[in-house]
Protein backbone atom coordinates (compact mmCIF):
# COMPACT_ATOMS: atom_id res chain seq x y z
CA MET A 1 46.57 -40.64 46.78
CA GLU A 2 47.25 -38.61 43.43
CA THR A 3 50.36 -38.61 41.71
CA LYS A 4 51.68 -35.06 41.62
CA ALA A 5 53.87 -35.42 38.54
CA GLY A 6 53.18 -37.29 35.23
CA ASP A 7 54.55 -34.77 32.62
CA PRO A 8 55.53 -36.87 29.68
CA GLY A 9 58.14 -34.29 28.73
CA ALA A 10 60.59 -35.84 25.96
CA PHE A 11 59.08 -39.22 26.63
CA ALA A 12 56.04 -37.78 24.36
CA HIS A 13 58.18 -38.43 21.35
CA PHE A 14 59.99 -41.55 22.60
CA ASP A 15 59.60 -44.71 20.36
CA LEU A 16 58.21 -47.36 22.87
CA GLY A 17 59.43 -50.17 20.23
CA ARG A 18 63.18 -49.29 20.87
CA VAL A 19 63.35 -51.18 24.12
CA PRO A 20 62.31 -54.69 25.19
CA SER A 21 59.04 -55.11 27.22
CA PRO A 22 58.62 -54.61 30.09
CA CYS A 23 61.47 -51.91 30.72
CA PHE A 24 62.20 -48.87 32.75
CA VAL A 25 63.75 -46.27 30.47
CA VAL A 26 65.35 -43.28 32.27
CA ASP A 27 65.92 -40.00 30.59
CA GLU A 28 69.46 -38.73 31.69
CA ALA A 29 68.89 -35.33 30.45
CA ALA A 30 65.82 -35.09 32.65
CA VAL A 31 67.82 -36.50 35.48
CA ARG A 32 70.53 -33.72 34.96
CA ARG A 33 67.72 -30.99 34.90
CA ASN A 34 66.31 -32.12 38.43
CA LEU A 35 70.05 -32.30 39.77
CA ALA A 36 70.55 -28.80 38.40
CA VAL A 37 67.63 -27.40 40.33
CA LEU A 38 68.65 -29.22 43.60
CA LYS A 39 72.32 -27.87 43.03
CA ASP A 40 71.17 -24.37 42.45
CA VAL A 41 69.01 -24.45 45.71
CA ARG A 42 72.18 -25.92 47.39
CA ASP A 43 74.43 -23.25 46.34
CA ARG A 44 72.10 -20.23 47.09
CA ALA A 45 71.16 -21.55 50.31
CA GLY A 46 74.58 -22.68 51.47
CA VAL A 47 73.43 -26.10 52.44
CA LYS A 48 74.22 -29.63 51.65
CA VAL A 49 72.11 -31.80 49.54
CA LEU A 50 72.42 -35.85 49.54
CA LEU A 51 70.45 -38.05 47.28
CA ALA A 52 68.34 -40.49 49.02
CA LEU A 53 69.14 -43.84 47.59
CA LYS A 54 65.92 -45.66 48.78
CA ALA A 55 63.98 -43.77 46.16
CA PHE A 56 66.76 -43.75 43.11
CA SER A 57 69.73 -46.01 43.17
CA MET A 58 70.38 -46.22 39.52
CA TRP A 59 74.20 -46.26 40.20
CA SER A 60 75.01 -46.19 36.48
CA LEU A 61 74.40 -42.39 37.05
CA GLY A 62 76.41 -42.17 40.26
CA ASP A 63 78.94 -40.03 38.42
CA VAL A 64 76.44 -37.75 37.16
CA VAL A 65 74.96 -37.44 40.69
CA GLY A 66 78.39 -36.59 41.99
CA GLU A 67 78.69 -33.63 39.57
CA TYR A 68 75.77 -31.87 41.44
CA LEU A 69 75.28 -32.92 44.98
CA ASP A 70 77.13 -33.67 47.88
CA GLY A 71 76.86 -37.36 48.27
CA VAL A 72 74.20 -40.02 49.31
CA CYS A 73 72.16 -41.05 52.19
CA ALA A 74 71.65 -44.87 52.88
CA SER A 75 69.04 -46.93 54.80
CA GLY A 76 71.35 -49.69 55.85
CA LEU A 77 74.56 -51.75 55.17
CA TRP A 78 73.78 -52.54 51.39
CA GLU A 79 72.94 -49.09 50.49
CA ALA A 80 75.78 -47.71 52.39
CA ARG A 81 78.23 -50.00 50.33
CA LEU A 82 76.43 -49.01 47.01
CA GLY A 83 77.11 -45.38 48.02
CA ARG A 84 80.56 -45.77 48.62
CA GLU A 85 81.30 -47.90 45.73
CA HIS A 86 79.38 -46.08 43.04
CA TYR A 87 78.97 -42.52 44.35
CA HIS A 88 80.91 -39.53 45.19
CA GLY A 89 81.07 -37.64 48.41
CA ILE A 90 79.34 -38.09 51.81
CA VAL A 91 77.69 -41.40 52.76
CA GLU A 92 75.17 -40.95 55.74
CA THR A 93 73.52 -43.88 56.95
CA TYR A 94 70.55 -44.22 58.91
CA SER A 95 68.32 -47.25 59.89
CA ALA A 96 65.34 -47.80 62.09
CA ALA A 97 67.44 -50.23 63.86
CA TYR A 98 70.97 -51.85 63.42
CA LYS A 99 72.34 -55.28 63.84
CA ALA A 100 75.73 -55.25 65.87
CA GLU A 101 77.29 -57.37 63.21
CA ASP A 102 76.84 -54.93 60.59
CA LEU A 103 78.02 -51.94 62.43
CA PRO A 104 81.72 -52.25 62.06
CA GLU A 105 81.34 -51.99 58.11
CA ILE A 106 78.68 -49.37 58.52
CA PHE A 107 81.19 -47.32 60.43
CA ARG A 108 83.80 -47.99 57.83
CA LEU A 109 81.73 -47.02 54.78
CA SER A 110 79.83 -44.14 56.48
CA ASP A 111 80.82 -40.46 57.34
CA THR A 112 77.81 -40.03 59.52
CA ILE A 113 75.43 -42.67 61.18
CA VAL A 114 72.10 -41.55 62.51
CA PHE A 115 70.64 -43.75 65.51
CA ASN A 116 66.76 -44.01 65.68
CA THR A 117 66.87 -43.87 69.39
CA PRO A 118 69.16 -42.89 72.33
CA ALA A 119 68.89 -46.51 73.64
CA GLN A 120 70.30 -47.90 70.31
CA HIS A 121 73.21 -45.26 70.58
CA ALA A 122 73.94 -46.35 74.02
CA ARG A 123 73.57 -49.94 73.38
CA PHE A 124 76.26 -49.79 70.64
CA SER A 125 78.78 -47.61 72.67
CA GLY A 126 81.10 -50.41 72.68
CA GLU A 127 81.19 -50.80 68.84
CA ILE A 128 81.51 -47.00 68.58
CA ALA A 129 84.54 -46.76 70.82
CA ALA A 130 86.14 -49.86 68.93
CA ALA A 131 85.50 -48.49 65.45
CA ARG A 132 87.08 -45.13 66.55
CA ALA A 133 90.16 -46.81 68.13
CA ALA A 134 90.70 -48.36 64.86
CA GLY A 135 91.00 -45.02 63.13
CA GLU A 136 87.49 -44.93 61.74
CA GLN A 137 85.99 -41.25 61.58
CA PHE A 138 82.47 -40.52 61.61
CA ASP A 139 79.69 -38.35 63.02
CA LEU A 140 76.75 -39.50 64.95
CA GLY A 141 73.34 -38.34 64.65
CA LEU A 142 70.06 -38.88 66.22
CA ARG A 143 66.57 -39.05 64.55
CA LEU A 144 63.86 -37.27 66.19
CA ASN A 145 60.07 -37.42 65.68
CA PRO A 146 58.76 -33.95 65.79
CA GLU A 147 55.42 -35.19 66.92
CA HIS A 148 53.91 -32.85 64.22
CA SER A 149 52.11 -34.44 61.41
CA GLU A 150 52.08 -33.29 57.94
CA GLY A 151 51.47 -36.52 56.01
CA GLU A 152 48.47 -36.78 53.91
CA VAL A 153 48.36 -40.51 54.05
CA PRO A 154 48.86 -42.15 57.42
CA LYS A 155 51.16 -45.27 56.16
CA TYR A 156 53.39 -42.37 54.63
CA ASP A 157 53.54 -40.16 57.69
CA PRO A 158 56.42 -40.72 59.84
CA ALA A 159 54.99 -38.55 62.67
CA GLN A 160 51.74 -40.60 62.89
CA PRO A 161 50.91 -41.81 66.40
CA GLY A 162 52.65 -44.81 67.41
CA SER A 163 55.35 -44.22 64.39
CA ARG A 164 58.49 -46.12 64.73
CA LEU A 165 60.51 -43.77 62.82
CA GLY A 166 62.42 -41.37 65.16
CA PHE A 167 62.57 -40.82 68.89
CA PRO A 168 59.62 -38.74 70.26
CA VAL A 169 60.88 -35.05 70.83
CA SER A 170 58.63 -34.64 73.97
CA GLN A 171 60.90 -37.44 75.53
CA LEU A 172 64.16 -35.96 74.57
CA ARG A 173 66.50 -35.26 77.58
CA PRO A 174 69.79 -33.59 78.00
CA GLU A 175 71.62 -36.89 78.84
CA HIS A 176 70.44 -38.35 75.28
CA MET A 177 72.43 -35.67 73.48
CA GLU A 178 75.91 -36.89 74.98
CA GLY A 179 78.14 -37.58 71.86
CA ILE A 180 75.51 -36.70 69.16
CA ASP A 181 76.55 -34.37 66.56
CA GLY A 182 73.40 -33.66 64.62
CA LEU A 183 69.63 -34.08 64.61
CA HIS A 184 67.86 -35.67 61.79
CA PHE A 185 64.03 -35.45 61.26
CA HIS A 186 61.88 -36.36 58.32
CA THR A 187 58.05 -35.77 58.06
CA LEU A 188 57.30 -35.16 54.58
CA CYS A 189 56.08 -37.21 51.39
CA GLU A 190 56.15 -35.40 47.97
CA GLN A 191 55.21 -31.84 49.82
CA ASP A 192 56.14 -28.40 49.04
CA PHE A 193 57.83 -25.94 51.23
CA GLU A 194 54.88 -24.87 53.77
CA PRO A 195 54.67 -28.21 55.44
CA LEU A 196 58.36 -28.03 56.10
CA ARG A 197 58.00 -24.75 57.57
CA ARG A 198 55.24 -25.61 59.81
CA THR A 199 57.41 -28.69 60.92
CA TRP A 200 60.35 -26.51 61.74
CA GLU A 201 58.28 -24.21 63.68
CA SER A 202 56.90 -26.87 65.81
CA LEU A 203 60.45 -28.51 66.31
CA GLU A 204 62.61 -25.68 66.71
CA PRO A 205 61.74 -24.42 70.41
CA LYS A 206 61.92 -27.82 71.69
CA ILE A 207 65.76 -28.51 70.10
CA ALA A 208 67.07 -24.95 70.38
CA PRO A 209 68.56 -25.64 73.80
CA TYR A 210 70.94 -28.06 72.08
CA PHE A 211 72.03 -25.96 69.16
CA LYS A 212 75.58 -24.89 70.58
CA GLN A 213 76.50 -28.42 71.02
CA LEU A 214 75.40 -29.59 67.54
CA LYS A 215 77.46 -29.63 64.23
CA TRP A 216 74.61 -30.11 61.90
CA LEU A 217 70.86 -30.46 61.37
CA ASN A 218 69.08 -32.77 58.71
CA PHE A 219 65.71 -31.90 57.40
CA GLY A 220 65.32 -35.34 55.68
CA GLY A 221 63.58 -35.98 52.32
CA GLY A 222 59.94 -35.84 50.92
CA HIS A 223 60.81 -32.39 49.42
CA HIS A 224 59.24 -32.17 46.08
CA ILE A 225 61.73 -29.29 45.20
CA THR A 226 62.12 -30.18 41.24
CA ARG A 227 58.34 -29.98 40.84
CA ALA A 228 57.30 -26.92 38.57
CA ASP A 229 55.11 -25.40 41.43
CA TYR A 230 57.47 -25.88 44.40
CA GLN A 231 58.41 -22.44 46.25
CA ARG A 232 62.17 -22.78 45.86
CA ASP A 233 62.92 -19.07 46.50
CA LYS A 234 60.97 -19.58 49.78
CA LEU A 235 62.72 -22.57 50.62
CA VAL A 236 66.35 -20.93 49.90
CA ALA A 237 65.42 -18.00 52.04
CA PHE A 238 64.09 -20.29 54.84
CA LEU A 239 67.20 -22.48 54.75
CA LYS A 240 69.56 -19.40 54.75
CA ASP A 241 67.77 -17.90 57.88
CA VAL A 242 68.23 -21.35 59.85
CA ARG A 243 71.50 -21.81 58.82
CA GLU A 244 72.58 -18.38 59.95
CA ARG A 245 70.53 -18.28 63.07
CA THR A 246 71.63 -21.86 64.48
CA GLY A 247 75.20 -21.72 62.93
CA LEU A 248 74.84 -25.06 62.03
CA THR A 249 75.27 -27.15 58.58
CA ILE A 250 71.86 -27.95 57.04
CA TYR A 251 71.25 -31.06 55.17
CA LEU A 252 68.52 -31.97 52.79
CA GLU A 253 67.99 -35.41 51.38
CA PRO A 254 65.75 -35.66 48.38
CA GLY A 255 65.04 -38.81 46.56
CA GLU A 256 62.17 -38.65 44.35
CA ALA A 257 62.92 -35.01 43.35
CA VAL A 258 66.19 -36.36 41.60
CA ALA A 259 64.29 -38.64 39.27
CA LEU A 260 60.85 -36.95 39.20
CA ASP A 261 59.49 -37.08 35.64
CA ALA A 262 62.60 -38.63 34.36
CA GLY A 263 61.72 -42.33 34.03
CA ILE A 264 58.78 -44.43 32.27
CA LEU A 265 57.99 -48.13 32.50
CA VAL A 266 57.26 -49.29 29.04
CA GLY A 267 55.10 -52.62 28.71
CA GLU A 268 52.47 -54.08 26.12
CA ILE A 269 49.09 -55.55 26.05
CA LEU A 270 49.11 -59.45 26.10
CA ASP A 271 45.36 -59.99 25.93
CA THR A 272 41.82 -58.40 26.13
CA PHE A 273 38.54 -59.76 26.88
CA GLU A 274 35.23 -58.53 28.56
CA ASN A 275 34.12 -59.24 31.98
CA ALA A 276 31.38 -56.52 32.92
CA LEU A 277 34.05 -54.16 31.40
CA PRO A 278 36.85 -54.46 29.04
CA ILE A 279 39.76 -56.20 30.43
CA GLY A 280 43.63 -55.82 29.34
CA ILE A 281 46.45 -58.11 30.84
CA THR A 282 49.65 -56.52 30.27
CA ASP A 283 53.26 -57.78 31.13
CA ILE A 284 53.58 -54.87 33.54
CA SER A 285 52.34 -56.13 36.94
CA ALA A 286 51.34 -53.61 39.78
CA THR A 287 52.33 -56.08 42.53
CA CYS A 288 55.70 -56.79 41.06
CA HIS A 289 56.99 -53.68 39.16
CA MET A 290 54.89 -50.88 40.56
CA PRO A 291 53.93 -51.99 44.33
CA ASP A 292 53.04 -48.38 45.28
CA VAL A 293 50.12 -48.65 42.93
CA ILE A 294 48.60 -51.09 45.45
CA GLU A 295 50.35 -49.82 48.74
CA ALA A 296 49.43 -46.20 48.27
CA PRO A 297 47.40 -46.80 46.49
CA TYR A 298 47.51 -44.37 43.29
CA ARG A 299 46.72 -44.53 39.69
CA PRO A 300 49.77 -43.99 37.58
CA ALA A 301 49.62 -41.78 34.62
CA MET A 302 49.65 -43.46 31.14
CA LEU A 303 51.56 -42.04 28.22
CA HIS A 304 49.32 -40.83 25.46
CA GLU A 305 46.02 -41.78 27.27
CA ALA A 306 43.24 -40.87 25.21
CA PRO A 307 40.39 -38.21 26.35
CA GLN A 308 37.60 -40.33 25.25
CA GLY A 309 37.13 -43.56 23.44
CA VAL A 310 37.35 -47.17 24.90
CA THR A 311 38.22 -47.74 28.78
CA LEU A 312 39.96 -50.90 29.82
CA ARG A 313 40.84 -51.95 33.16
CA LEU A 314 44.58 -53.01 33.01
CA GLY A 315 46.27 -55.33 35.14
CA GLY A 316 49.33 -57.66 35.04
CA PRO A 317 50.11 -61.25 34.64
CA SER A 318 50.03 -62.60 38.07
CA CYS A 319 47.86 -64.64 39.92
CA LEU A 320 47.12 -61.90 42.47
CA ALA A 321 43.38 -60.82 42.07
CA GLY A 322 44.43 -57.20 43.00
CA ASP A 323 47.07 -56.84 40.73
CA VAL A 324 45.31 -54.06 38.83
CA ILE A 325 46.87 -51.00 37.47
CA GLY A 326 43.72 -48.93 36.79
CA ASP A 327 41.12 -48.09 34.15
CA TYR A 328 42.69 -46.32 31.04
CA THR A 329 40.99 -44.97 27.83
CA PHE A 330 42.23 -45.75 24.41
CA THR A 331 41.20 -44.20 21.16
CA SER A 332 40.39 -47.56 19.72
CA PRO A 333 40.43 -51.11 21.52
CA PRO A 334 44.09 -52.00 21.86
CA THR A 335 45.14 -55.34 20.43
CA PRO A 336 47.82 -57.89 21.72
CA GLY A 337 51.28 -56.38 21.16
CA THR A 338 50.21 -52.82 21.78
CA ARG A 339 52.84 -50.86 23.35
CA ILE A 340 51.95 -48.64 26.69
CA ALA A 341 54.04 -46.78 28.98
CA PHE A 342 53.45 -45.29 32.48
CA LEU A 343 54.83 -42.07 33.54
CA ASP A 344 57.30 -41.05 36.35
CA GLN A 345 58.26 -44.67 37.20
CA GLY A 346 62.00 -43.71 37.66
CA HIS A 347 61.86 -43.23 41.36
CA TYR A 348 60.75 -45.92 43.80
CA SER A 349 59.05 -48.44 41.24
CA MET A 350 62.61 -49.39 40.07
CA VAL A 351 63.89 -50.09 43.53
CA LYS A 352 60.76 -51.93 44.76
CA THR A 353 60.32 -54.60 41.95
CA ASN A 354 60.09 -58.32 42.90
CA THR A 355 59.60 -61.62 41.07
CA PHE A 356 56.50 -62.74 42.79
CA ASN A 357 54.93 -65.51 40.65
CA GLY A 358 58.01 -65.85 38.75
CA VAL A 359 56.87 -62.72 36.82
CA PRO A 360 60.24 -61.46 35.04
CA LEU A 361 61.76 -58.15 36.14
CA PRO A 362 61.71 -55.20 33.64
CA ALA A 363 64.93 -54.37 31.81
CA ILE A 364 66.73 -51.15 32.52
CA ALA A 365 67.57 -48.64 29.94
CA LEU A 366 69.23 -45.26 29.88
CA TRP A 367 68.18 -42.62 27.37
CA ASN A 368 69.52 -39.38 26.69
CA SER A 369 66.58 -37.10 25.37
CA GLU A 370 69.14 -34.44 23.87
CA THR A 371 71.36 -36.61 21.75
CA ASP A 372 68.83 -39.55 21.40
CA SER A 373 71.35 -42.12 22.53
CA LEU A 374 69.88 -45.28 23.98
CA ARG A 375 71.80 -47.65 26.09
CA LEU A 376 70.28 -50.87 27.65
CA ILE A 377 71.63 -51.10 31.24
CA ARG A 378 70.46 -54.35 32.48
CA GLN A 379 68.40 -57.28 31.48
CA PHE A 380 67.15 -59.84 33.92
CA ASP A 381 66.61 -63.78 32.91
CA TYR A 382 65.46 -66.85 34.80
CA SER A 383 68.66 -67.00 36.87
CA ASP A 384 67.85 -63.76 38.75
CA PHE A 385 64.36 -65.36 39.75
CA ARG A 386 66.04 -68.92 40.49
CA ASP A 387 69.23 -67.51 42.53
CA ARG A 388 66.89 -65.52 45.02
CA LEU A 389 65.53 -68.97 46.11
CA SER A 390 66.80 -72.32 47.40
């Protein structure tokens, strides 16, 4: 899997020595530029756009997000709480499955709750009725699996055979739609407009009979709208057409697009040695700090990588043999203390960090490339590792 971003932007001029190591650095100006693009699409198409917290939940920028978007979508109770406490506007919650004990608070926090199957919706009818009797107001949605695959990698394809995400549209019956206000589908991962168009062309005839009883359609996430080569004008025309033909409110919920090329992960070389090829140990761990490097897998772009010189295999300090980031070229052999940075790490990496092996979590800093202001938002210590255990 190849990263489709990796533009250094203003980070090309950032002094890596200004922050502790390791450290995520997010450029507020870059986030604002992404948000402005999304707002432009929203306004021209007449749709609503939500931030997917699963990809980028740096809540210190919650007020900034609120200046541009309509709200957030959450993946469960804790993200719904974060959305309600630190963001503005709509909170939509979807989970592949809910626990009954979580639902009263989810109903209180959320404007919309999306169920993964009609069976869950039916199973929790008592909880729904109780919440509404207590005065809670919320829409209910159903996630569909369009049974149309566009994913390039099976593990990131929600429509793959045997997927647990969404109710197969071929099994949808009129009785499943009772009490449902909207339909949700999500099939994309870092993709442009054409896969969305093809998915909709496959799905629309199967759900068109229900349009008159619905209030909205949610086209999910995975839209790389802020990427330079994304066909935004085509997207706007498409969304306007769907909205006008169906008479329904249309939602998009990008996550990665909000923070695309807006963050780096700074680290340093701890040691080097030879073992069939030059090896470099860094304080950045793929398994602890960038798990998608292993899970996808993919090779993150390194800031200022040399076109030729000496190539090192870089990996983290953990005991996992597979804690390898990739092979990278330096003009000359780096020495311990050399600072490095990996590009486009503002989304997904930050939300997936862990403390396996007691590896410290990276600090988090907020930089503004236009004003050069730099603020250290969070540093972690031993207690953050200890208190997750018992």
